[in-house]
Amino acid sequence: MSDILLVHGSGYGGWCWDATIRALAAHGARARALDLPGRIFTPGLSLADHAAAILQEIRAPVTLVGHSAGGFSIAAAAEAAAPGLIERLIFLCAYAPRDGASVASMRRAQARQPLRPAIRLAPDRLSYSFDPDLAGEALFHDCPPEVRAAALARMGAEPVGPQEERIRLSARYHALPKHYIRCLEDRAIPPETQEAMTADWPAGSVSTLPAGHSPFLSCPEALAKRLISVAANPLSCRPTPG
C-alpha cells in the first residue's frame, strides 16, 4: 500500500492528524501530515500554493486524504501532479469539488448552515477564524473534553482567498480513483450535503462513519482502519463522472 499524505481543512493544521497517524502506524501503514500555507497568513495565497505545498511533500506515489476544505486542496494537487504521483484521493467529510465551484460557493449553497454562527471574519476580510465558544459543538462535539479543549486552543485563522477561488477540473482529476467518507453526525458540513455531493459517484466509492466533523480526533482508530481498508481495496476507489 502506498504512503498516506493527510491534508487538513479550514482552521486546522497538520497536528489534527497526530492520533490517526499513530493508529495507522500501529497497523503498519506509513502516513504523514503537513501544514498548508496560511498558518502564517500571506496575502495573495491561492489554491496553486496549496497544490505546490502538497506536491513538495510527495517523493513516491501516495494516497492523498483531504478533510473538509482540504478536498479542494487535494483536487488542485491532483490537477498539477505528474502522472502516477497520486494513486488515489480520499475525501473525509470534505467538499468534493465541481468544475468552476469554490469552497465558499459550495458552502453558501448548503440548505443548512450549522457552522455559520461560529465564523468570525477579520476586519480586513482577508481571513476568518472560529469562535471557540461556538466551534466546540460544531467541530468537536463527539470528542473527549480534553481533546476538544486542546483542539480549540490550536485552531488558527484561515485565509479567505483560496476558498473564494473557483477550481478548474479536467479529465486528469476525474480519472483518478476516489473514495468519499461521509460523517453521519457532522455539524459543519451536513450529512445531507455530503450525500448530495456524491450522489452520482460509482457504487462502492462512498462509505460512512458514525462521527462528527473531526473523526481524526473523536475516533482515530476507526478512521485509520477505514483508510487502510479503502486504500487496499481497488473496488472502493473509482473515477468520478466528469
Protein backbone atom coordinates (compact mmCIF):
# COMPACT_ATOMS: atom_id res chain seq x y z
CA MET A 1 0.00 0.00 0.00
CA SER A 2 1.28 3.48 -0.83
CA ASP A 3 2.13 6.05 1.83
CA ILE A 4 -0.75 8.22 3.02
CA LEU A 5 -0.46 12.03 3.00
CA LEU A 6 -3.08 13.74 5.18
CA VAL A 7 -4.33 17.24 4.35
CA HIS A 8 -6.24 19.29 6.90
CA GLY A 9 -9.22 21.60 6.48
CA SER A 10 -10.01 25.18 7.48
CA GLY A 11 -8.51 26.35 10.75
CA TYR A 12 -6.83 23.03 11.46
CA GLY A 13 -3.18 22.12 10.94
CA GLY A 14 -1.12 19.01 10.49
CA TRP A 15 -1.39 18.50 14.27
CA CYS A 16 -5.01 17.33 13.95
CA TRP A 17 -3.88 14.04 12.39
CA ASP A 18 -1.41 13.02 15.12
CA ALA A 19 -3.62 10.38 16.77
CA THR A 20 -4.63 8.94 13.40
CA ILE A 21 -1.01 8.74 12.25
CA ARG A 22 -0.19 6.77 15.40
CA ALA A 23 -3.16 4.46 14.78
CA LEU A 24 -2.13 3.95 11.16
CA ALA A 25 1.43 3.18 12.21
CA ALA A 26 0.17 0.58 14.68
CA HIS A 27 -1.41 -1.20 11.72
CA GLY A 28 1.73 -0.97 9.62
CA ALA A 29 0.67 1.95 7.41
CA ARG A 30 3.03 4.84 6.72
CA ALA A 31 1.35 8.25 6.99
CA ARG A 32 2.30 11.85 7.50
CA ALA A 33 0.61 15.25 7.51
CA LEU A 34 1.55 18.77 6.50
CA ASP A 35 0.59 22.33 7.32
CA LEU A 36 -0.95 24.05 4.31
CA PRO A 37 0.22 27.60 3.55
CA GLY A 38 -1.84 30.06 5.54
CA ARG A 39 -0.99 29.02 9.09
CA ILE A 40 1.09 32.20 8.85
CA PHE A 41 -1.18 34.44 6.79
CA THR A 42 0.18 35.53 3.40
CA PRO A 43 -1.83 37.91 1.17
CA GLY A 44 -2.47 36.58 -2.32
CA LEU A 45 -2.45 32.93 -1.30
CA SER A 46 -4.07 30.63 -3.89
CA LEU A 47 -5.10 27.03 -4.46
CA ALA A 48 -1.96 26.70 -6.56
CA ASP A 49 0.04 27.40 -3.40
CA HIS A 50 -1.86 24.63 -1.62
CA ALA A 51 -1.15 22.25 -4.51
CA ALA A 52 2.54 23.18 -4.55
CA ALA A 53 2.86 22.58 -0.80
CA ILE A 54 1.27 19.15 -1.14
CA LEU A 55 3.36 18.13 -4.14
CA GLN A 56 6.53 19.23 -2.36
CA GLU A 57 5.82 16.53 0.24
CA ILE A 58 5.50 13.71 -2.32
CA ARG A 59 8.54 11.68 -3.28
CA ALA A 60 6.80 8.44 -4.29
CA PRO A 61 3.19 7.56 -5.22
CA VAL A 62 0.79 8.38 -2.37
CA THR A 63 -2.80 8.20 -1.26
CA LEU A 64 -4.00 11.76 -0.63
CA VAL A 65 -6.61 12.30 2.08
CA GLY A 66 -8.36 15.68 2.29
CA HIS A 67 -10.59 16.82 5.14
CA SER A 68 -13.32 19.48 4.80
CA ALA A 69 -11.97 22.36 2.65
CA GLY A 70 -8.90 20.20 2.10
CA GLY A 71 -10.96 18.40 -0.54
CA PHE A 72 -10.26 21.35 -2.85
CA SER A 73 -6.57 21.34 -1.91
CA ILE A 74 -6.08 17.68 -2.85
CA ALA A 75 -8.05 18.20 -6.07
CA ALA A 76 -5.78 21.11 -7.01
CA ALA A 77 -2.76 18.91 -6.29
CA ALA A 78 -4.23 16.15 -8.46
CA GLU A 79 -4.58 18.58 -11.35
CA ALA A 80 -0.97 19.74 -11.01
CA ALA A 81 0.72 16.39 -10.26
CA ALA A 82 2.81 14.41 -12.68
CA PRO A 83 1.08 11.21 -13.87
CA GLY A 84 1.42 8.34 -11.41
CA LEU A 85 2.42 10.51 -8.44
CA ILE A 86 -1.02 10.31 -6.78
CA GLU A 87 -2.59 6.85 -6.64
CA ARG A 88 -5.97 7.82 -5.22
CA LEU A 89 -7.89 10.60 -3.47
CA ILE A 90 -9.90 10.06 -0.29
CA PHE A 91 -12.31 12.79 0.77
CA LEU A 92 -13.11 12.84 4.50
CA CYS A 93 -16.35 14.77 5.19
CA ALA A 94 -14.90 17.15 2.62
CA TYR A 95 -16.06 19.47 -0.10
CA ALA A 96 -15.80 17.32 -3.22
CA PRO A 97 -15.25 19.98 -5.88
CA ARG A 98 -17.18 20.55 -9.06
CA ASP A 99 -15.58 22.28 -12.02
CA GLY A 100 -15.99 26.03 -11.65
CA ALA A 101 -17.02 25.88 -7.98
CA SER A 102 -15.23 27.26 -4.93
CA VAL A 103 -15.27 26.11 -1.32
CA ALA A 104 -17.20 29.27 -0.46
CA SER A 105 -19.78 28.82 -3.22
CA MET A 106 -20.42 25.21 -2.19
CA ARG A 107 -20.70 26.22 1.47
CA ARG A 108 -23.16 29.01 0.63
CA ALA A 109 -25.26 26.56 -1.40
CA GLN A 110 -25.89 24.33 1.63
CA ALA A 111 -29.53 24.30 2.72
CA ARG A 112 -28.36 24.28 6.34
CA GLN A 113 -25.52 26.43 7.69
CA PRO A 114 -24.72 25.00 11.13
CA LEU A 115 -21.18 26.40 11.22
CA ARG A 116 -22.01 29.98 10.19
CA PRO A 117 -22.67 31.33 13.73
CA ALA A 118 -19.15 30.27 14.76
CA ILE A 119 -17.33 32.03 11.89
CA ARG A 120 -15.63 35.37 12.67
CA LEU A 121 -14.45 37.36 9.64
CA ALA A 122 -11.36 39.50 10.23
CA PRO A 123 -11.81 43.30 9.94
CA ASP A 124 -9.80 43.32 6.68
CA ARG A 125 -12.00 40.47 5.37
CA LEU A 126 -8.90 38.55 4.23
CA SER A 127 -9.17 35.75 6.77
CA TYR A 128 -11.58 34.23 9.25
CA SER A 129 -11.44 32.22 12.44
CA PHE A 130 -13.81 30.22 14.62
CA ASP A 131 -15.35 31.47 17.85
CA PRO A 132 -14.13 28.93 20.44
CA ASP A 133 -17.33 29.30 22.46
CA LEU A 134 -19.36 28.03 19.47
CA ALA A 135 -16.92 25.97 17.42
CA GLY A 136 -16.60 23.25 20.05
CA GLU A 137 -20.11 21.96 19.50
CA ALA A 138 -19.87 22.36 15.73
CA LEU A 139 -16.48 20.79 15.14
CA PHE A 140 -15.67 18.62 18.16
CA HIS A 141 -18.96 17.68 19.82
CA ASP A 142 -18.13 13.95 19.92
CA CYS A 143 -14.53 14.36 21.13
CA PRO A 144 -13.45 13.79 24.74
CA PRO A 145 -13.45 17.10 26.69
CA GLU A 146 -9.66 17.26 26.97
CA VAL A 147 -9.26 16.59 23.24
CA ARG A 148 -11.83 19.25 22.40
CA ALA A 149 -10.10 21.84 24.61
CA ALA A 150 -6.68 21.09 23.12
CA ALA A 151 -8.00 21.30 19.57
CA LEU A 152 -9.80 24.60 20.15
CA ALA A 153 -6.59 26.07 21.56
CA ARG A 154 -4.70 25.16 18.37
CA MET A 155 -7.24 26.26 15.75
CA GLY A 156 -5.93 29.12 13.61
CA ALA A 157 -7.16 31.74 11.18
CA GLU A 158 -7.97 30.66 7.62
CA PRO A 159 -7.23 32.80 4.51
CA VAL A 160 -10.35 33.68 2.52
CA GLY A 161 -8.64 33.85 -0.88
CA PRO A 162 -8.21 30.15 -1.70
CA GLN A 163 -11.76 29.43 -0.54
CA GLU A 164 -13.25 32.01 -2.91
CA GLU A 165 -11.14 30.75 -5.82
CA ARG A 166 -13.01 28.69 -8.41
CA ILE A 167 -11.28 25.46 -9.29
CA ARG A 168 -10.85 24.14 -12.82
CA LEU A 169 -11.01 20.37 -13.13
CA SER A 170 -10.02 18.31 -16.14
CA ALA A 171 -10.02 14.65 -17.13
CA ARG A 172 -6.80 14.29 -15.14
CA TYR A 173 -8.73 14.82 -11.89
CA HIS A 174 -11.83 12.87 -12.86
CA ALA A 175 -9.80 9.82 -13.97
CA LEU A 176 -8.11 9.37 -10.58
CA PRO A 177 -9.62 6.70 -8.29
CA LYS A 178 -11.55 8.33 -5.44
CA HIS A 179 -13.41 7.44 -2.28
CA TYR A 180 -15.61 9.60 -0.08
CA ILE A 181 -16.13 9.01 3.66
CA ARG A 182 -19.36 10.63 4.84
CA CYS A 183 -19.56 11.50 8.53
CA LEU A 184 -23.12 10.91 9.67
CA GLU A 185 -23.01 13.18 12.73
CA ASP A 186 -21.25 16.12 11.06
CA ARG A 187 -22.34 19.52 12.37
CA ALA A 188 -20.22 21.58 9.96
CA ILE A 189 -20.90 20.05 6.52
CA PRO A 190 -24.34 18.49 6.99
CA PRO A 191 -24.63 14.80 6.13
CA GLU A 192 -27.27 15.54 3.51
CA THR A 193 -24.83 17.92 1.80
CA GLN A 194 -22.16 15.23 1.76
CA GLU A 195 -24.69 12.81 0.30
CA ALA A 196 -25.70 15.26 -2.43
CA MET A 197 -22.07 15.90 -3.41
CA THR A 198 -21.53 12.20 -4.04
CA ALA A 199 -24.95 11.21 -5.39
CA ASP A 200 -23.51 10.30 -8.80
CA TRP A 201 -20.33 8.60 -7.56
CA PRO A 202 -19.89 4.96 -8.57
CA ALA A 203 -21.18 2.18 -6.33
CA GLY A 204 -18.72 1.24 -3.60
CA SER A 205 -16.82 4.52 -3.73
CA VAL A 206 -18.69 6.07 -0.77
CA SER A 207 -18.75 4.84 2.83
CA THR A 208 -19.91 6.26 6.16
CA LEU A 209 -18.59 6.76 9.67
CA PRO A 210 -20.80 7.44 12.72
CA ALA A 211 -18.76 10.54 13.59
CA GLY A 212 -18.78 14.32 13.66
CA HIS A 213 -16.59 16.69 11.66
CA SER A 214 -13.29 15.69 13.31
CA PRO A 215 -13.08 11.88 13.23
CA PHE A 216 -9.27 12.01 13.37
CA LEU A 217 -9.76 13.24 16.95
CA SER A 218 -13.00 11.54 18.00
CA CYS A 219 -12.34 8.05 16.58
CA PRO A 220 -8.78 7.85 15.21
CA GLU A 221 -8.64 4.06 15.39
CA ALA A 222 -11.84 3.60 13.38
CA LEU A 223 -10.69 6.19 10.86
CA ALA A 224 -7.29 4.54 10.49
CA LYS A 225 -8.89 1.17 9.81
CA ARG A 226 -11.20 2.74 7.23
CA LEU A 227 -8.36 4.49 5.41
CA ILE A 228 -6.35 1.27 5.27
CA SER A 229 -9.36 -0.69 4.03
CA VAL A 230 -10.14 1.84 1.30
CA ALA A 231 -6.54 2.16 0.15
CA ALA A 232 -6.13 -1.62 -0.01
CA ASN A 233 -9.31 -2.34 -1.98
CA PRO A 234 -9.25 -1.24 -5.65
CA LEU A 235 -13.03 -1.64 -5.89
CA SER A 236 -13.59 1.04 -3.24
CA CYS A 237 -11.95 3.75 -5.32
CA ARG A 238 -13.33 4.64 -8.73
CA PRO A 239 -13.00 7.52 -11.19
CA THR A 240 -15.81 10.07 -10.92
CA PRO A 241 -18.10 11.44 -13.63
CA GLY A 242 -16.78 14.46 -15.39
